[in-house]
Amino acid sequence: MLIIGLTGSIATGKSTVSNLLRSRPYSLPVIDADILARKVVEPGTSGYNAILAHFLPTTPDLLQSPDECGGENGPEGKGRPLNRPALGRRVFGDSVERQRDRKELNGIVHPAVRWEMYKQMAYYYVTGHWAVVLDIPLLFESGWERFCGCIIVVSVSNPVVQMERLRERDSHLTEEDARNRVGSQTDVREKAKRAQARGEGWGEVVLNDGSKEKLKTEVERVIEDVRRRSPKWWNWLLWWPPMGIMAASWSFLRSWRMQSQWEEEKRKDKARL
């Protein structure tokens, strides 16, 4: 089974591409890290309790008000849901304090999300899918690159377009809020370069500067190329567990080597400055 990593940055159109891939004619199973990240911090979960323990003492509005969620104990009696805009203000930004809070939040959420993703990938493998899409905003940052046979980055060439789309989508954000959210993630153009550095067939870039029709054409081009490199006969062979294990190990080692080479090049670039 081919593991396709799908990433981008906030307001570049990654979710639109994800929806295209799960729809016909592709009908690919998509494991959405954002959805899982919400699931693992729902009231009553260990992630929810850990967030409250760390952030609630210094964030009075961390939880939705009783009027918003149906009472002091929330809609299901497990606690009030998180007030995501308030939590976002705690973790998005470039200051040392914001970076520290973001690291703490990621340390709570990422391990729980990772375990859920492992379970879903195993399910799609045993049910015979030729590929699965891992929709992960922080794919490179969280180390998932090494698990992916192919990585698709949804990018825009102009950061101004990204900011405009974000404020149009989330009208409650101020210009500073939008700038902090965009700035808290790796520049999507850097992610595109990193995908392309993996080589043909291992990294693809979908440029989303135009209309949705143009985006559909870009997605079609990329998936046709990916499908050509993963023919049906190969996927049938991977159903045999020894072959599947060998192929997965080879793909992991190759991706790990490409990740190491990229990081080494970046270290050399910094040393030259």
C-alpha atoms as a PDB file:
ATOM      1  CA  MET A   1       0.000   0.000   0.000  1.00  0.00           C
ATOM      2  CA  LEU A   2       1.358   3.400  -0.985  1.00  0.00           C
ATOM      3  CA  ILE A   3       1.352   6.030   1.748  1.00  0.00           C
ATOM      4  CA  ILE A   4       0.806   9.496   0.283  1.00  0.00           C
ATOM      5  CA  GLY A   5       1.637  12.391   2.569  1.00  0.00           C
ATOM      6  CA  LEU A   6      -0.471  15.486   1.890  1.00  0.00           C
ATOM      7  CA  THR A   7       0.635  18.752   3.437  1.00  0.00           C
ATOM      8  CA  GLY A   8       0.718  22.489   2.871  1.00  0.00           C
ATOM      9  CA  SER A   9       0.196  25.454   5.119  1.00  0.00           C
ATOM     10  CA  ILE A  10      -2.758  27.294   6.540  1.00  0.00           C
ATOM     11  CA  ALA A  11      -5.106  28.640   3.824  1.00  0.00           C
ATOM     12  CA  THR A  12      -3.216  27.144   0.857  1.00  0.00           C
ATOM     13  CA  GLY A  13      -6.054  24.810  -0.140  1.00  0.00           C
ATOM     14  CA  LYS A  14      -4.863  21.546   1.377  1.00  0.00           C
ATOM     15  CA  SER A  15      -8.332  20.693   2.688  1.00  0.00           C
ATOM     16  CA  THR A  16      -9.805  21.248  -0.775  1.00  0.00           C
ATOM     17  CA  VAL A  17      -7.272  18.842  -2.279  1.00  0.00           C
ATOM     18  CA  SER A  18      -7.981  16.359   0.505  1.00  0.00           C
ATOM     19  CA  ASN A  19     -11.705  16.457  -0.345  1.00  0.00           C
ATOM     20  CA  LEU A  20     -10.935  15.957  -4.039  1.00  0.00           C
ATOM     21  CA  LEU A  21      -8.824  12.886  -3.275  1.00  0.00           C
ATOM     22  CA  ARG A  22     -11.504  11.251  -1.126  1.00  0.00           C
ATOM     23  CA  SER A  23     -14.128  11.853  -3.842  1.00  0.00           C
ATOM     24  CA  ARG A  24     -14.611  10.186  -7.215  1.00  0.00           C
ATOM     25  CA  PRO A  25     -12.814   9.377  -9.436  1.00  0.00           C
ATOM     26  CA  TYR A  26     -10.003   8.820  -6.878  1.00  0.00           C
ATOM     27  CA  SER A  27     -11.985   7.611  -3.827  1.00  0.00           C
ATOM     28  CA  LEU A  28      -8.848   7.383  -1.710  1.00  0.00           C
ATOM     29  CA  PRO A  29      -9.108   6.884   2.055  1.00  0.00           C
ATOM     30  CA  VAL A  30      -7.879  10.011   3.841  1.00  0.00           C
ATOM     31  CA  ILE A  31      -6.579  10.048   7.404  1.00  0.00           C
ATOM     32  CA  ASP A  32      -6.997  13.653   8.514  1.00  0.00           C
ATOM     33  CA  ALA A  33      -4.645  14.661  11.325  1.00  0.00           C
ATOM     34  CA  ASP A  34      -6.693  17.790  12.090  1.00  0.00           C
ATOM     35  CA  ILE A  35      -9.845  15.730  12.671  1.00  0.00           C
ATOM     36  CA  LEU A  36      -7.920  13.303  14.860  1.00  0.00           C
ATOM     37  CA  ALA A  37      -6.337  16.211  16.746  1.00  0.00           C
ATOM     38  CA  ARG A  38      -9.828  17.395  17.663  1.00  0.00           C
ATOM     39  CA  LYS A  39     -10.920  13.885  18.610  1.00  0.00           C
ATOM     40  CA  VAL A  40      -8.029  13.274  21.020  1.00  0.00           C
ATOM     41  CA  VAL A  41      -8.754  16.479  22.994  1.00  0.00           C
ATOM     42  CA  GLU A  42     -12.519  16.081  23.316  1.00  0.00           C
ATOM     43  CA  PRO A  43     -13.870  16.457  26.869  1.00  0.00           C
ATOM     44  CA  GLY A  44     -13.133  13.372  28.945  1.00  0.00           C
ATOM     45  CA  THR A  45      -9.995  12.321  27.040  1.00  0.00           C
ATOM     46  CA  SER A  46      -6.514  12.246  28.552  1.00  0.00           C
ATOM     47  CA  GLY A  47      -5.421  14.911  26.048  1.00  0.00           C
ATOM     48  CA  TYR A  48      -8.200  17.245  27.190  1.00  0.00           C
ATOM     49  CA  ASN A  49      -7.256  16.768  30.831  1.00  0.00           C
ATOM     50  CA  ALA A  50      -3.560  17.429  30.086  1.00  0.00           C
ATOM     51  CA  ILE A  51      -4.376  20.674  28.240  1.00  0.00           C
ATOM     52  CA  LEU A  52      -6.521  21.871  31.135  1.00  0.00           C
ATOM     53  CA  ALA A  53      -3.797  21.052  33.648  1.00  0.00           C
ATOM     54  CA  HIS A  54      -1.193  23.082  31.762  1.00  0.00           C
ATOM     55  CA  PHE A  55      -3.128  25.985  30.230  1.00  0.00           C
ATOM     56  CA  LEU A  56      -6.258  26.598  32.337  1.00  0.00           C
ATOM     57  CA  PRO A  57      -4.533  28.266  35.319  1.00  0.00           C
ATOM     58  CA  THR A  58      -3.222  31.055  33.041  1.00  0.00           C
ATOM     59  CA  THR A  59      -5.984  31.077  30.387  1.00  0.00           C
ATOM     60  CA  PRO A  60      -9.326  31.920  32.038  1.00  0.00           C
ATOM     61  CA  ASP A  61     -11.252  31.684  28.755  1.00  0.00           C
ATOM     62  CA  LEU A  62      -9.737  28.318  27.732  1.00  0.00           C
ATOM     63  CA  LEU A  63     -13.168  26.640  27.853  1.00  0.00           C
ATOM     64  CA  GLN A  64     -16.353  27.609  26.070  1.00  0.00           C
ATOM     65  CA  SER A  65     -18.838  29.431  28.251  1.00  0.00           C
ATOM     66  CA  PRO A  66     -21.694  27.374  29.780  1.00  0.00           C
ATOM     67  CA  ASP A  67     -24.167  29.269  27.600  1.00  0.00           C
ATOM     68  CA  GLU A  68     -22.341  28.185  24.427  1.00  0.00           C
ATOM     69  CA  CYS A  69     -22.093  24.481  25.206  1.00  0.00           C
ATOM     70  CA  GLY A  70     -25.205  23.604  27.164  1.00  0.00           C
ATOM     71  CA  GLY A  71     -24.147  23.945  30.781  1.00  0.00           C
ATOM     72  CA  GLU A  72     -21.247  23.858  33.190  1.00  0.00           C
ATOM     73  CA  ASN A  73     -20.441  20.204  32.406  1.00  0.00           C
ATOM     74  CA  GLY A  74     -20.770  20.465  28.644  1.00  0.00           C
ATOM     75  CA  PRO A  75     -23.202  18.745  26.266  1.00  0.00           C
ATOM     76  CA  GLU A  76     -22.256  15.199  27.349  1.00  0.00           C
ATOM     77  CA  GLY A  77     -21.442  15.827  30.990  1.00  0.00           C
ATOM     78  CA  LYS A  78     -17.689  15.311  30.467  1.00  0.00           C
ATOM     79  CA  GLY A  79     -16.677  18.950  30.618  1.00  0.00           C
ATOM     80  CA  ARG A  80     -16.940  22.071  28.514  1.00  0.00           C
ATOM     81  CA  PRO A  81     -15.235  21.937  25.085  1.00  0.00           C
ATOM     82  CA  LEU A  82     -12.053  23.902  24.460  1.00  0.00           C
ATOM     83  CA  ASN A  83     -12.315  27.493  23.308  1.00  0.00           C
ATOM     84  CA  ARG A  84     -10.023  27.079  20.284  1.00  0.00           C
ATOM     85  CA  PRO A  85      -9.537  30.778  19.475  1.00  0.00           C
ATOM     86  CA  ALA A  86      -8.345  31.361  23.059  1.00  0.00           C
ATOM     87  CA  LEU A  87      -5.995  28.385  22.889  1.00  0.00           C
ATOM     88  CA  GLY A  88      -4.761  29.601  19.511  1.00  0.00           C
ATOM     89  CA  ARG A  89      -3.806  32.953  20.992  1.00  0.00           C
ATOM     90  CA  ARG A  90      -1.678  31.103  23.550  1.00  0.00           C
ATOM     91  CA  VAL A  91       0.304  29.041  21.056  1.00  0.00           C
ATOM     92  CA  PHE A  92       0.523  31.035  17.794  1.00  0.00           C
ATOM     93  CA  GLY A  93       3.259  33.643  17.538  1.00  0.00           C
ATOM     94  CA  ASP A  94       7.033  34.037  17.414  1.00  0.00           C
ATOM     95  CA  SER A  95       7.787  34.966  21.021  1.00  0.00           C
ATOM     96  CA  VAL A  96       9.718  32.547  23.229  1.00  0.00           C
ATOM     97  CA  GLU A  97       6.656  32.098  25.440  1.00  0.00           C
ATOM     98  CA  ARG A  98       4.393  31.254  22.496  1.00  0.00           C
ATOM     99  CA  GLN A  99       6.934  28.804  21.096  1.00  0.00           C
ATOM    100  CA  ARG A 100       7.203  27.109  24.479  1.00  0.00           C
ATOM    101  CA  ASP A 101       3.423  26.826  24.787  1.00  0.00           C
ATOM    102  CA  ARG A 102       3.150  25.477  21.245  1.00  0.00           C
ATOM    103  CA  LYS A 103       5.767  22.837  21.999  1.00  0.00           C
ATOM    104  CA  GLU A 104       3.857  21.829  25.129  1.00  0.00           C
ATOM    105  CA  LEU A 105       0.577  21.544  23.215  1.00  0.00           C
ATOM    106  CA  ASN A 106       2.201  19.512  20.435  1.00  0.00           C
ATOM    107  CA  GLY A 107       3.696  17.198  23.039  1.00  0.00           C
ATOM    108  CA  ILE A 108       0.188  16.463  24.302  1.00  0.00           C
ATOM    109  CA  VAL A 109      -1.599  16.127  20.969  1.00  0.00           C
ATOM    110  CA  HIS A 110       0.930  14.545  18.595  1.00  0.00           C
ATOM    111  CA  PRO A 111       1.516  11.193  20.367  1.00  0.00           C
ATOM    112  CA  ALA A 112      -2.237  10.574  20.653  1.00  0.00           C
ATOM    113  CA  VAL A 113      -2.809  11.488  17.013  1.00  0.00           C
ATOM    114  CA  ARG A 114       0.090   9.282  15.909  1.00  0.00           C
ATOM    115  CA  TRP A 115      -1.403   6.230  17.612  1.00  0.00           C
ATOM    116  CA  GLU A 116      -4.795   6.815  15.958  1.00  0.00           C
ATOM    117  CA  MET A 117      -3.116   7.143  12.565  1.00  0.00           C
ATOM    118  CA  TYR A 118      -1.219   3.869  12.983  1.00  0.00           C
ATOM    119  CA  LYS A 119      -4.486   2.064  13.696  1.00  0.00           C
ATOM    120  CA  GLN A 120      -6.236   3.525  10.665  1.00  0.00           C
ATOM    121  CA  MET A 121      -3.307   2.785   8.324  1.00  0.00           C
ATOM    122  CA  ALA A 122      -3.331  -0.844   9.438  1.00  0.00           C
ATOM    123  CA  TYR A 123      -7.069  -1.031   8.749  1.00  0.00           C
ATOM    124  CA  TYR A 124      -6.736   0.322   5.205  1.00  0.00           C
ATOM    125  CA  TYR A 125      -3.863  -2.060   4.473  1.00  0.00           C
ATOM    126  CA  VAL A 126      -5.735  -5.199   5.520  1.00  0.00           C
ATOM    127  CA  THR A 127      -8.859  -4.078   3.634  1.00  0.00           C
ATOM    128  CA  GLY A 128      -6.924  -3.926   0.366  1.00  0.00           C
ATOM    129  CA  HIS A 129      -6.579  -0.245  -0.567  1.00  0.00           C
ATOM    130  CA  TRP A 130      -3.818   0.564  -3.070  1.00  0.00           C
ATOM    131  CA  ALA A 131      -3.026   3.857  -1.300  1.00  0.00           C
ATOM    132  CA  VAL A 132      -3.918   5.931   1.727  1.00  0.00           C
ATOM    133  CA  VAL A 133      -3.559   9.694   2.125  1.00  0.00           C
ATOM    134  CA  LEU A 134      -2.135  11.125   5.337  1.00  0.00           C
ATOM    135  CA  ASP A 135      -3.465  14.688   5.548  1.00  0.00           C
ATOM    136  CA  ILE A 136      -0.957  16.270   7.951  1.00  0.00           C
ATOM    137  CA  PRO A 137      -0.343  20.040   8.158  1.00  0.00           C
ATOM    138  CA  LEU A 138       2.954  19.521  10.039  1.00  0.00           C
ATOM    139  CA  LEU A 139       4.098  16.484   8.064  1.00  0.00           C
ATOM    140  CA  PHE A 140       7.757  17.500   7.800  1.00  0.00           C
ATOM    141  CA  GLU A 141       7.918  19.061  11.249  1.00  0.00           C
ATOM    142  CA  SER A 142       6.468  15.993  12.994  1.00  0.00           C
ATOM    143  CA  GLY A 143       8.709  13.424  11.260  1.00  0.00           C
ATOM    144  CA  TRP A 144       5.987  11.716   9.181  1.00  0.00           C
ATOM    145  CA  GLU A 145       7.985  12.322   5.994  1.00  0.00           C
ATOM    146  CA  ARG A 146       9.938   9.114   6.472  1.00  0.00           C
ATOM    147  CA  PHE A 147       6.754   7.006   6.425  1.00  0.00           C
ATOM    148  CA  CYS A 148       5.559   8.357   3.063  1.00  0.00           C
ATOM    149  CA  GLY A 149       6.314   6.850  -0.324  1.00  0.00           C
ATOM    150  CA  CYS A 150       5.153  10.077  -1.958  1.00  0.00           C
ATOM    151  CA  ILE A 151       4.581  13.578  -0.591  1.00  0.00           C
ATOM    152  CA  ILE A 152       2.233  16.137  -2.132  1.00  0.00           C
ATOM    153  CA  VAL A 153       2.582  19.774  -1.042  1.00  0.00           C
ATOM    154  CA  VAL A 154      -0.274  22.185  -1.768  1.00  0.00           C
ATOM    155  CA  SER A 155       1.379  25.566  -2.193  1.00  0.00           C
ATOM    156  CA  VAL A 156       0.770  29.157  -3.260  1.00  0.00           C
ATOM    157  CA  SER A 157       3.425  31.328  -4.882  1.00  0.00           C
ATOM    158  CA  ASN A 158       2.363  34.549  -3.121  1.00  0.00           C
ATOM    159  CA  PRO A 159       2.054  34.781   0.698  1.00  0.00           C
ATOM    160  CA  VAL A 160      -0.393  37.687   0.309  1.00  0.00           C
ATOM    161  CA  VAL A 161      -2.889  35.245  -1.257  1.00  0.00           C
ATOM    162  CA  GLN A 162      -2.475  33.007   1.769  1.00  0.00           C
ATOM    163  CA  MET A 163      -3.234  35.833   4.214  1.00  0.00           C
ATOM    164  CA  GLU A 164      -6.280  36.981   2.222  1.00  0.00           C
ATOM    165  CA  ARG A 165      -7.728  33.474   2.096  1.00  0.00           C
ATOM    166  CA  LEU A 166      -7.179  32.951   5.815  1.00  0.00           C
ATOM    167  CA  ARG A 167      -8.991  36.146   6.824  1.00  0.00           C
ATOM    168  CA  GLU A 168     -11.797  35.416   4.362  1.00  0.00           C
ATOM    169  CA  ARG A 169     -12.241  31.937   5.841  1.00  0.00           C
ATOM    170  CA  ASP A 170     -11.848  32.932   9.512  1.00  0.00           C
ATOM    171  CA  SER A 171     -13.452  36.370   9.685  1.00  0.00           C
ATOM    172  CA  HIS A 172     -12.926  36.611  13.469  1.00  0.00           C
ATOM    173  CA  LEU A 173      -9.142  36.841  13.005  1.00  0.00           C
ATOM    174  CA  THR A 174      -7.433  40.191  13.142  1.00  0.00           C
ATOM    175  CA  GLU A 175      -4.608  40.928  10.725  1.00  0.00           C
ATOM    176  CA  GLU A 176      -2.119  40.261  13.515  1.00  0.00           C
ATOM    177  CA  ASP A 177      -3.796  36.956  14.405  1.00  0.00           C
ATOM    178  CA  ALA A 178      -3.617  35.868  10.757  1.00  0.00           C
ATOM    179  CA  ARG A 179       0.017  36.909  10.486  1.00  0.00           C
ATOM    180  CA  ASN A 180       0.894  34.973  13.650  1.00  0.00           C
ATOM    181  CA  ARG A 181      -0.835  31.833  12.425  1.00  0.00           C
ATOM    182  CA  VAL A 182       0.896  31.928   9.061  1.00  0.00           C
ATOM    183  CA  GLY A 183       4.234  32.773  10.674  1.00  0.00           C
ATOM    184  CA  SER A 184       4.007  29.940  13.209  1.00  0.00           C
ATOM    185  CA  GLN A 185       4.295  27.361  10.411  1.00  0.00           C
ATOM    186  CA  THR A 186       7.161  26.618   8.062  1.00  0.00           C
ATOM    187  CA  ASP A 187       6.905  28.684   4.871  1.00  0.00           C
ATOM    188  CA  VAL A 188       4.901  26.596   2.397  1.00  0.00           C
ATOM    189  CA  ARG A 189       7.321  27.498  -0.403  1.00  0.00           C
ATOM    190  CA  GLU A 190      10.082  25.894   1.662  1.00  0.00           C
ATOM    191  CA  LYS A 191       7.919  22.779   2.009  1.00  0.00           C
ATOM    192  CA  ALA A 192       7.457  22.708  -1.770  1.00  0.00           C
ATOM    193  CA  LYS A 193      11.222  22.809  -2.302  1.00  0.00           C
ATOM    194  CA  ARG A 194      11.642  20.011   0.212  1.00  0.00           C
ATOM    195  CA  ALA A 195       9.122  17.822  -1.595  1.00  0.00           C
ATOM    196  CA  GLN A 196      10.745  18.445  -4.964  1.00  0.00           C
ATOM    197  CA  ALA A 197      14.165  17.613  -3.486  1.00  0.00           C
ATOM    198  CA  ARG A 198      12.902  14.068  -2.848  1.00  0.00           C
ATOM    199  CA  GLY A 199      12.992  13.474  -6.590  1.00  0.00           C
ATOM    200  CA  GLU A 200      10.492  12.640  -9.309  1.00  0.00           C
ATOM    201  CA  GLY A 201       7.749  10.336  -8.104  1.00  0.00           C
ATOM    202  CA  TRP A 202       8.665  10.878  -4.446  1.00  0.00           C
ATOM    203  CA  GLY A 203       7.636  14.498  -4.116  1.00  0.00           C
ATOM    204  CA  GLU A 204       4.974  16.523  -5.954  1.00  0.00           C
ATOM    205  CA  VAL A 205       3.796  20.144  -5.724  1.00  0.00           C
ATOM    206  CA  VAL A 206       0.213  21.233  -6.420  1.00  0.00           C
ATOM    207  CA  LEU A 207       0.195  24.969  -7.064  1.00  0.00           C
ATOM    208  CA  ASN A 208      -3.070  26.582  -5.967  1.00  0.00           C
ATOM    209  CA  ASP A 209      -2.875  30.166  -7.193  1.00  0.00           C
ATOM    210  CA  GLY A 210      -5.918  30.086  -9.467  1.00  0.00           C
ATOM    211  CA  SER A 211      -9.449  28.748  -9.703  1.00  0.00           C
ATOM    212  CA  LYS A 212     -10.802  25.484  -8.344  1.00  0.00           C
ATOM    213  CA  GLU A 213     -10.932  24.104 -11.900  1.00  0.00           C
ATOM    214  CA  LYS A 214      -7.221  24.723 -12.295  1.00  0.00           C
ATOM    215  CA  LEU A 215      -6.659  23.042  -8.942  1.00  0.00           C
ATOM    216  CA  LYS A 216      -8.616  19.983 -10.100  1.00  0.00           C
ATOM    217  CA  THR A 217      -6.413  19.786 -13.200  1.00  0.00           C
ATOM    218  CA  GLU A 218      -3.281  19.961 -11.050  1.00  0.00           C
ATOM    219  CA  VAL A 219      -4.546  17.176  -8.786  1.00  0.00           C
ATOM    220  CA  GLU A 220      -5.426  15.006 -11.780  1.00  0.00           C
ATOM    221  CA  ARG A 221      -1.918  15.451 -13.191  1.00  0.00           C
ATOM    222  CA  VAL A 222      -0.267  14.492  -9.913  1.00  0.00           C
ATOM    223  CA  ILE A 223      -2.432  11.442  -9.197  1.00  0.00           C
ATOM    224  CA  GLU A 224      -2.015  10.113 -12.733  1.00  0.00           C
ATOM    225  CA  ASP A 225       1.740  10.264 -12.238  1.00  0.00           C
ATOM    226  CA  VAL A 226       1.548   8.629  -8.799  1.00  0.00           C
ATOM    227  CA  ARG A 227      -0.778   5.878 -10.081  1.00  0.00           C
ATOM    228  CA  ARG A 228       1.533   5.134 -12.998  1.00  0.00           C
ATOM    229  CA  ARG A 229       4.379   4.554 -10.549  1.00  0.00           C
ATOM    230  CA  SER A 230       2.272   2.234  -8.392  1.00  0.00           C
ATOM    231  CA  PRO A 231       0.637  -0.256 -10.818  1.00  0.00           C
ATOM    232  CA  LYS A 232      -2.013  -2.736  -9.757  1.00  0.00           C
ATOM    233  CA  TRP A 233       0.270  -5.778 -10.074  1.00  0.00           C
ATOM    234  CA  TRP A 234       2.656  -4.195  -7.564  1.00  0.00           C
ATOM    235  CA  ASN A 235      -0.123  -3.590  -5.089  1.00  0.00           C
ATOM    236  CA  TRP A 236      -1.246  -7.195  -5.379  1.00  0.00           C
ATOM    237  CA  LEU A 237       2.307  -8.301  -4.508  1.00  0.00           C
ATOM    238  CA  LEU A 238       2.279  -6.093  -1.427  1.00  0.00           C
ATOM    239  CA  TRP A 239      -0.668  -8.045  -0.043  1.00  0.00           C
ATOM    240  CA  TRP A 240       1.787 -10.864   0.656  1.00  0.00           C
ATOM    241  CA  PRO A 241       3.045  -9.848   4.144  1.00  0.00           C
ATOM    242  CA  PRO A 242       6.779 -10.590   3.600  1.00  0.00           C
ATOM    243  CA  MET A 243       6.767  -8.512   0.409  1.00  0.00           C
ATOM    244  CA  GLY A 244       4.782  -5.740   2.103  1.00  0.00           C
ATOM    245  CA  ILE A 245       7.258  -5.622   4.993  1.00  0.00           C
ATOM    246  CA  MET A 246      10.268  -5.521   2.660  1.00  0.00           C
ATOM    247  CA  ALA A 247       8.745  -2.781   0.498  1.00  0.00           C
ATOM    248  CA  ALA A 248       7.741  -0.714   3.540  1.00  0.00           C
ATOM    249  CA  SER A 249      11.238  -1.059   5.032  1.00  0.00           C
ATOM    250  CA  TRP A 250      12.921  -0.012   1.790  1.00  0.00           C
ATOM    251  CA  SER A 251      10.585   2.991   1.415  1.00  0.00           C
ATOM    252  CA  PHE A 252      11.151   4.018   5.035  1.00  0.00           C
ATOM    253  CA  LEU A 253      14.941   3.833   4.713  1.00  0.00           C
ATOM    254  CA  ARG A 254      14.939   5.777   1.453  1.00  0.00           C
ATOM    255  CA  SER A 255      12.695   8.482   2.900  1.00  0.00           C
ATOM    256  CA  TRP A 256      14.823   8.619   6.046  1.00  0.00           C
ATOM    257  CA  ARG A 257      17.945   9.108   3.909  1.00  0.00           C
ATOM    258  CA  MET A 258      16.285  11.902   1.895  1.00  0.00           C
ATOM    259  CA  GLN A 259      15.148  13.591   5.117  1.00  0.00           C
ATOM    260  CA  SER A 260      18.674  13.360   6.548  1.00  0.00           C
ATOM    261  CA  GLN A 261      20.211  14.798   3.374  1.00  0.00           C
ATOM    262  CA  TRP A 262      17.812  17.747   3.400  1.00  0.00           C
ATOM    263  CA  GLU A 263      18.482  18.512   7.057  1.00  0.00           C
ATOM    264  CA  GLU A 264      22.250  18.251   6.505  1.00  0.00           C
ATOM    265  CA  GLU A 265      22.051  20.697   3.597  1.00  0.00           C
ATOM    266  CA  LYS A 266      20.116  23.135   5.779  1.00  0.00           C
ATOM    267  CA  ARG A 267      22.737  22.866   8.522  1.00  0.00           C
ATOM    268  CA  LYS A 268      25.452  23.642   5.979  1.00  0.00           C
ATOM    269  CA  ASP A 269      23.485  26.636   4.684  1.00  0.00           C
ATOM    270  CA  LYS A 270      23.175  28.031   8.221  1.00  0.00           C
ATOM    271  CA  ALA A 271      26.898  27.483   8.832  1.00  0.00           C
ATOM    272  CA  ARG A 272      27.719  29.594   5.753  1.00  0.00           C
ATOM    273  CA  LEU A 273      25.774  32.591   7.076  1.00  0.00           C
END
